[in-house]
Amino acid sequence: MARTPSIEKHRSAWRLRALCVGEDPELFFPLVETDTATARARAVCRRCPVLLACRDWAVRHGEADGVWGDTTASERRAIRGALLADRPSGSA
């Protein structure tokens, strides 16, 4: 079943409340993923009221770059891998 635009709009409404909206995007997408490069972005995430929704979205959609929901790309890959490993065999 195709999702209607109103459902998609509702599902992504959390983005409008994200603290990163007013920040420089380069803060959340450093060229190299290091503790120093991601520290400021992660500090913004930790204060954000939609941290969990953001993290969940990034993991579910396989977001491969940047800091989302106080996680780096490598952390999200690990979370996604663990979630997929926990699925019963035969699940998609």
Protein backbone atom coordinates (compact mmCIF):
# COMPACT_ATOMS: atom_id res chain seq x y z
CA MET A 1 0.00 0.00 0.00
CA ALA A 2 1.39 3.39 -0.95
CA ARG A 3 1.82 5.94 1.78
CA THR A 4 -0.15 9.11 1.39
CA PRO A 5 1.63 12.46 1.62
CA SER A 6 -0.27 13.34 4.81
CA ILE A 7 0.97 10.17 6.53
CA GLU A 8 4.54 10.84 5.42
CA LYS A 9 4.27 14.45 6.60
CA HIS A 10 3.04 13.27 10.00
CA ARG A 11 5.81 10.66 10.30
CA SER A 12 8.53 13.23 9.63
CA ALA A 13 7.00 16.05 11.71
CA TRP A 14 9.60 15.34 14.40
CA ARG A 15 12.19 16.98 12.14
CA LEU A 16 10.54 20.37 12.62
CA ARG A 17 11.19 20.14 16.37
CA ALA A 18 14.82 19.06 16.02
CA LEU A 19 17.41 21.38 17.55
CA CYS A 20 19.73 20.86 14.58
CA VAL A 21 17.33 22.75 12.30
CA GLY A 22 19.03 26.07 13.08
CA GLU A 23 22.58 24.70 13.09
CA ASP A 24 25.21 24.61 10.36
CA PRO A 25 24.74 21.29 8.49
CA GLU A 26 28.52 20.87 8.28
CA LEU A 27 28.52 20.38 12.05
CA PHE A 28 26.55 17.14 11.60
CA PHE A 29 28.40 15.92 8.51
CA PRO A 30 32.14 16.12 9.26
CA LEU A 31 34.57 14.99 6.57
CA VAL A 32 36.17 12.52 8.98
CA GLU A 33 34.27 10.71 11.75
CA THR A 34 36.34 11.36 14.88
CA ASP A 35 35.37 12.08 18.48
CA THR A 36 36.58 15.65 18.07
CA ALA A 37 34.68 16.20 14.82
CA THR A 38 31.40 14.82 16.16
CA ALA A 39 31.50 16.12 19.75
CA ARG A 40 29.64 19.40 19.10
CA ALA A 41 26.97 17.72 16.99
CA ARG A 42 26.45 15.04 19.61
CA ALA A 43 26.10 17.71 22.31
CA VAL A 44 23.26 19.29 20.31
CA CYS A 45 21.64 15.86 19.88
CA ARG A 46 21.76 15.09 23.59
CA ARG A 47 19.67 18.20 24.33
CA CYS A 48 17.21 17.54 21.50
CA PRO A 49 13.59 16.61 22.28
CA VAL A 50 13.40 14.32 19.23
CA LEU A 51 16.67 12.41 19.75
CA LEU A 52 15.00 8.98 19.81
CA ALA A 53 12.81 9.64 16.76
CA CYS A 54 15.84 10.92 14.87
CA ARG A 55 18.00 7.94 15.84
CA ASP A 56 15.23 5.49 14.96
CA TRP A 57 14.69 7.10 11.56
CA ALA A 58 18.40 7.08 10.74
CA VAL A 59 18.79 3.42 11.72
CA ARG A 60 15.65 2.27 9.88
CA HIS A 61 16.54 4.16 6.72
CA GLY A 62 20.22 3.19 6.71
CA GLU A 63 21.44 6.78 6.89
CA ALA A 64 25.10 6.31 5.96
CA ASP A 65 26.51 9.75 6.74
CA GLY A 66 26.62 12.24 9.56
CA VAL A 67 25.49 12.41 13.16
CA TRP A 68 21.82 11.53 13.70
CA GLY A 69 20.20 11.05 17.10
CA ASP A 70 23.57 11.18 18.92
CA THR A 71 24.98 8.35 16.79
CA THR A 72 27.68 8.25 14.14
CA ALA A 73 27.40 6.32 10.89
CA SER A 74 29.52 3.47 12.26
CA GLU A 75 27.40 3.25 15.42
CA ARG A 76 24.21 3.10 13.34
CA ARG A 77 25.66 0.33 11.18
CA ALA A 78 26.38 -1.66 14.35
CA ILE A 79 22.86 -1.04 15.71
CA ARG A 80 21.28 -2.02 12.40
CA GLY A 81 23.43 -5.15 12.19
CA ALA A 82 22.43 -6.18 15.71
CA LEU A 83 18.75 -5.60 14.95
CA LEU A 84 18.95 -7.65 11.77
CA ALA A 85 20.81 -10.44 13.57
CA ASP A 86 18.03 -10.61 16.18
CA ARG A 87 15.32 -11.22 13.56
CA PRO A 88 13.94 -14.73 13.27
CA SER A 89 15.14 -16.51 10.13
CA GLY A 90 12.83 -15.94 7.22
CA SER A 91 12.01 -12.35 8.24
CA ALA A 92 12.59 -9.57 5.75
